[in-house]
Amino acid sequence: MGDRVATVLETILREERTLILAGRFDALGPLTTRKADMLTRIPDANIPGPRLAALADQVTRNQALLDAAIRGMSAARTRIQAVIGAGSGLSTYDRRGQKSELAESKGTLRKKA
């Protein structure tokens, strides 16, 4: 039983890594359910120590990839908000460190003949 649990879990973890690297986060849901089911079977599976350590390493690597993806999405969201906000004016700071907003001028351009 231990060999089967370890093999299935290795397959799931490889698939999870592939999905994370491809940015297919929408497909992780069903995989997470399968992974959780297999993880609950580990205590009774009698998986040898070295193989169990390899599985733990895979889990750690996948978690690091997910953490990096979350940080990247957060940075992208922040950058998008900054770009959108840049169109509404300019933020500056005075000598006291107080933030002030300079509104965008809605002036018109006049052509001279």
C-alpha atoms as a PDB file:
ATOM      1  CA  MET A   1       0.000   0.000   0.000  1.00  0.00           C
ATOM      2  CA  GLY A   2       2.833   2.410   0.858  1.00  0.00           C
ATOM      3  CA  ASP A   3       4.350   2.122  -2.591  1.00  0.00           C
ATOM      4  CA  ARG A   4       1.024   2.865  -4.262  1.00  0.00           C
ATOM      5  CA  VAL A   5       0.338   5.895  -2.037  1.00  0.00           C
ATOM      6  CA  ALA A   6       3.840   7.274  -2.678  1.00  0.00           C
ATOM      7  CA  THR A   7       3.590   6.698  -6.437  1.00  0.00           C
ATOM      8  CA  VAL A   8       0.173   8.359  -6.713  1.00  0.00           C
ATOM      9  CA  LEU A   9       1.316  11.272  -4.555  1.00  0.00           C
ATOM     10  CA  GLU A  10       4.470  11.735  -6.672  1.00  0.00           C
ATOM     11  CA  THR A  11       2.319  11.847  -9.793  1.00  0.00           C
ATOM     12  CA  ILE A  12      -0.033  14.396  -8.235  1.00  0.00           C
ATOM     13  CA  LEU A  13       2.873  16.569  -7.086  1.00  0.00           C
ATOM     14  CA  ARG A  14       4.481  16.487 -10.554  1.00  0.00           C
ATOM     15  CA  GLU A  15       1.162  17.447 -12.133  1.00  0.00           C
ATOM     16  CA  GLU A  16       0.701  20.219  -9.570  1.00  0.00           C
ATOM     17  CA  ARG A  17       4.172  21.610 -10.376  1.00  0.00           C
ATOM     18  CA  THR A  18       3.415  21.553 -14.101  1.00  0.00           C
ATOM     19  CA  LEU A  19       0.140  23.420 -13.572  1.00  0.00           C
ATOM     20  CA  ILE A  20       1.765  26.033 -11.326  1.00  0.00           C
ATOM     21  CA  LEU A  21       4.578  26.673 -13.800  1.00  0.00           C
ATOM     22  CA  ALA A  22       2.021  26.981 -16.614  1.00  0.00           C
ATOM     23  CA  GLY A  23      -0.070  29.433 -14.579  1.00  0.00           C
ATOM     24  CA  ARG A  24      -3.070  27.095 -14.685  1.00  0.00           C
ATOM     25  CA  PHE A  25      -4.183  27.873 -11.146  1.00  0.00           C
ATOM     26  CA  ASP A  26      -7.812  27.193 -12.085  1.00  0.00           C
ATOM     27  CA  ALA A  27      -6.953  23.512 -12.547  1.00  0.00           C
ATOM     28  CA  LEU A  28      -5.414  23.111  -9.084  1.00  0.00           C
ATOM     29  CA  GLY A  29      -8.744  22.710  -7.248  1.00  0.00           C
ATOM     30  CA  PRO A  30      -9.548  19.097  -8.141  1.00  0.00           C
ATOM     31  CA  LEU A  31      -5.883  18.180  -7.817  1.00  0.00           C
ATOM     32  CA  THR A  32      -5.758  19.634  -4.315  1.00  0.00           C
ATOM     33  CA  THR A  33      -8.635  17.395  -3.262  1.00  0.00           C
ATOM     34  CA  ARG A  34      -6.817  14.310  -4.560  1.00  0.00           C
ATOM     35  CA  LYS A  35      -3.574  15.416  -2.914  1.00  0.00           C
ATOM     36  CA  ALA A  36      -5.278  15.971   0.449  1.00  0.00           C
ATOM     37  CA  ASP A  37      -6.816  12.489   0.242  1.00  0.00           C
ATOM     38  CA  MET A  38      -3.426  10.895  -0.436  1.00  0.00           C
ATOM     39  CA  LEU A  39      -1.724  12.899   2.321  1.00  0.00           C
ATOM     40  CA  THR A  40      -4.188  11.509   4.869  1.00  0.00           C
ATOM     41  CA  ARG A  41      -3.093   8.002   3.873  1.00  0.00           C
ATOM     42  CA  ILE A  42       0.611   8.562   4.553  1.00  0.00           C
ATOM     43  CA  PRO A  43       0.598   7.616   8.276  1.00  0.00           C
ATOM     44  CA  ASP A  44      -0.744   4.136   7.512  1.00  0.00           C
ATOM     45  CA  ALA A  45       1.257   3.629   4.310  1.00  0.00           C
ATOM     46  CA  ASN A  46       4.657   2.718   5.810  1.00  0.00           C
ATOM     47  CA  ILE A  47       6.557   4.688   3.202  1.00  0.00           C
ATOM     48  CA  PRO A  48      10.344   4.323   3.599  1.00  0.00           C
ATOM     49  CA  GLY A  49      12.084   7.374   5.095  1.00  0.00           C
ATOM     50  CA  PRO A  50      14.089   8.413   2.005  1.00  0.00           C
ATOM     51  CA  ARG A  51      11.030   8.271  -0.230  1.00  0.00           C
ATOM     52  CA  LEU A  52       8.974  10.175   2.331  1.00  0.00           C
ATOM     53  CA  ALA A  53      11.708  12.834   2.469  1.00  0.00           C
ATOM     54  CA  ALA A  54      11.618  13.116  -1.333  1.00  0.00           C
ATOM     55  CA  LEU A  55       7.850  13.630  -1.196  1.00  0.00           C
ATOM     56  CA  ALA A  56       8.295  16.310   1.472  1.00  0.00           C
ATOM     57  CA  ASP A  57      10.849  18.047  -0.778  1.00  0.00           C
ATOM     58  CA  GLN A  58       8.377  18.035  -3.674  1.00  0.00           C
ATOM     59  CA  VAL A  59       5.666  19.517  -1.454  1.00  0.00           C
ATOM     60  CA  THR A  60       8.088  22.214  -0.252  1.00  0.00           C
ATOM     61  CA  ARG A  61       9.151  23.088  -3.815  1.00  0.00           C
ATOM     62  CA  ASN A  62       5.543  23.349  -4.980  1.00  0.00           C
ATOM     63  CA  GLN A  63       4.665  25.555  -2.010  1.00  0.00           C
ATOM     64  CA  ALA A  64       7.616  27.825  -2.825  1.00  0.00           C
ATOM     65  CA  LEU A  65       6.359  28.095  -6.423  1.00  0.00           C
ATOM     66  CA  LEU A  66       2.865  28.985  -5.210  1.00  0.00           C
ATOM     67  CA  ASP A  67       4.269  31.585  -2.812  1.00  0.00           C
ATOM     68  CA  ALA A  68       6.295  33.134  -5.635  1.00  0.00           C
ATOM     69  CA  ALA A  69       3.229  33.180  -7.904  1.00  0.00           C
ATOM     70  CA  ILE A  70       1.196  34.931  -5.210  1.00  0.00           C
ATOM     71  CA  ARG A  71       3.944  37.529  -4.712  1.00  0.00           C
ATOM     72  CA  GLY A  72       4.142  38.063  -8.474  1.00  0.00           C
ATOM     73  CA  MET A  73       0.391  38.525  -8.830  1.00  0.00           C
ATOM     74  CA  SER A  74       0.366  40.936  -5.908  1.00  0.00           C
ATOM     75  CA  ALA A  75       3.199  42.971  -7.447  1.00  0.00           C
ATOM     76  CA  ALA A  76       1.404  43.017 -10.799  1.00  0.00           C
ATOM     77  CA  ARG A  77      -1.823  44.182  -9.158  1.00  0.00           C
ATOM     78  CA  THR A  78       0.064  46.949  -7.349  1.00  0.00           C
ATOM     79  CA  ARG A  79       1.739  48.037 -10.575  1.00  0.00           C
ATOM     80  CA  ILE A  80      -1.545  48.056 -12.502  1.00  0.00           C
ATOM     81  CA  GLN A  81      -3.149  50.173  -9.778  1.00  0.00           C
ATOM     82  CA  ALA A  82      -0.204  52.584  -9.951  1.00  0.00           C
ATOM     83  CA  VAL A  83      -0.511  52.889 -13.733  1.00  0.00           C
ATOM     84  CA  ILE A  84      -4.260  53.450 -13.515  1.00  0.00           C
ATOM     85  CA  GLY A  85      -3.765  55.975 -10.729  1.00  0.00           C
ATOM     86  CA  ALA A  86      -1.115  57.836 -12.706  1.00  0.00           C
ATOM     87  CA  GLY A  87      -3.768  58.991 -15.144  1.00  0.00           C
ATOM     88  CA  SER A  88      -5.708  60.766 -12.413  1.00  0.00           C
ATOM     89  CA  GLY A  89      -2.998  63.153 -11.297  1.00  0.00           C
ATOM     90  CA  LEU A  90       0.299  63.350  -9.522  1.00  0.00           C
ATOM     91  CA  SER A  91       1.097  62.585  -5.883  1.00  0.00           C
ATOM     92  CA  THR A  92       3.825  64.632  -4.246  1.00  0.00           C
ATOM     93  CA  TYR A  93       5.113  65.189  -0.733  1.00  0.00           C
ATOM     94  CA  ASP A  94       5.811  68.518   0.949  1.00  0.00           C
ATOM     95  CA  ARG A  95       8.693  69.351   3.303  1.00  0.00           C
ATOM     96  CA  ARG A  96       6.768  67.925   6.252  1.00  0.00           C
ATOM     97  CA  GLY A  97       6.249  64.622   4.453  1.00  0.00           C
ATOM     98  CA  GLN A  98       2.562  65.205   3.897  1.00  0.00           C
ATOM     99  CA  LYS A  99       1.162  63.728   0.726  1.00  0.00           C
ATOM    100  CA  SER A 100      -0.687  66.012  -1.641  1.00  0.00           C
ATOM    101  CA  GLU A 101      -2.422  65.342  -4.911  1.00  0.00           C
ATOM    102  CA  LEU A 102      -2.039  67.507  -7.970  1.00  0.00           C
ATOM    103  CA  ALA A 103      -5.092  67.076 -10.132  1.00  0.00           C
ATOM    104  CA  GLU A 104      -4.642  66.440 -13.823  1.00  0.00           C
ATOM    105  CA  SER A 105      -5.216  69.554 -15.878  1.00  0.00           C
ATOM    106  CA  LYS A 106      -8.242  69.294 -18.124  1.00  0.00           C
ATOM    107  CA  GLY A 107      -7.079  72.177 -20.291  1.00  0.00           C
ATOM    108  CA  THR A 108      -7.462  72.255 -24.007  1.00  0.00           C
ATOM    109  CA  LEU A 109      -4.869  72.634 -26.671  1.00  0.00           C
ATOM    110  CA  ARG A 110      -5.291  75.601 -28.977  1.00  0.00           C
ATOM    111  CA  LYS A 111      -3.804  75.728 -32.389  1.00  0.00           C
ATOM    112  CA  LYS A 112      -2.454  79.010 -33.672  1.00  0.00           C
ATOM    113  CA  ALA A 113      -2.618  79.758 -37.313  1.00  0.00           C
END
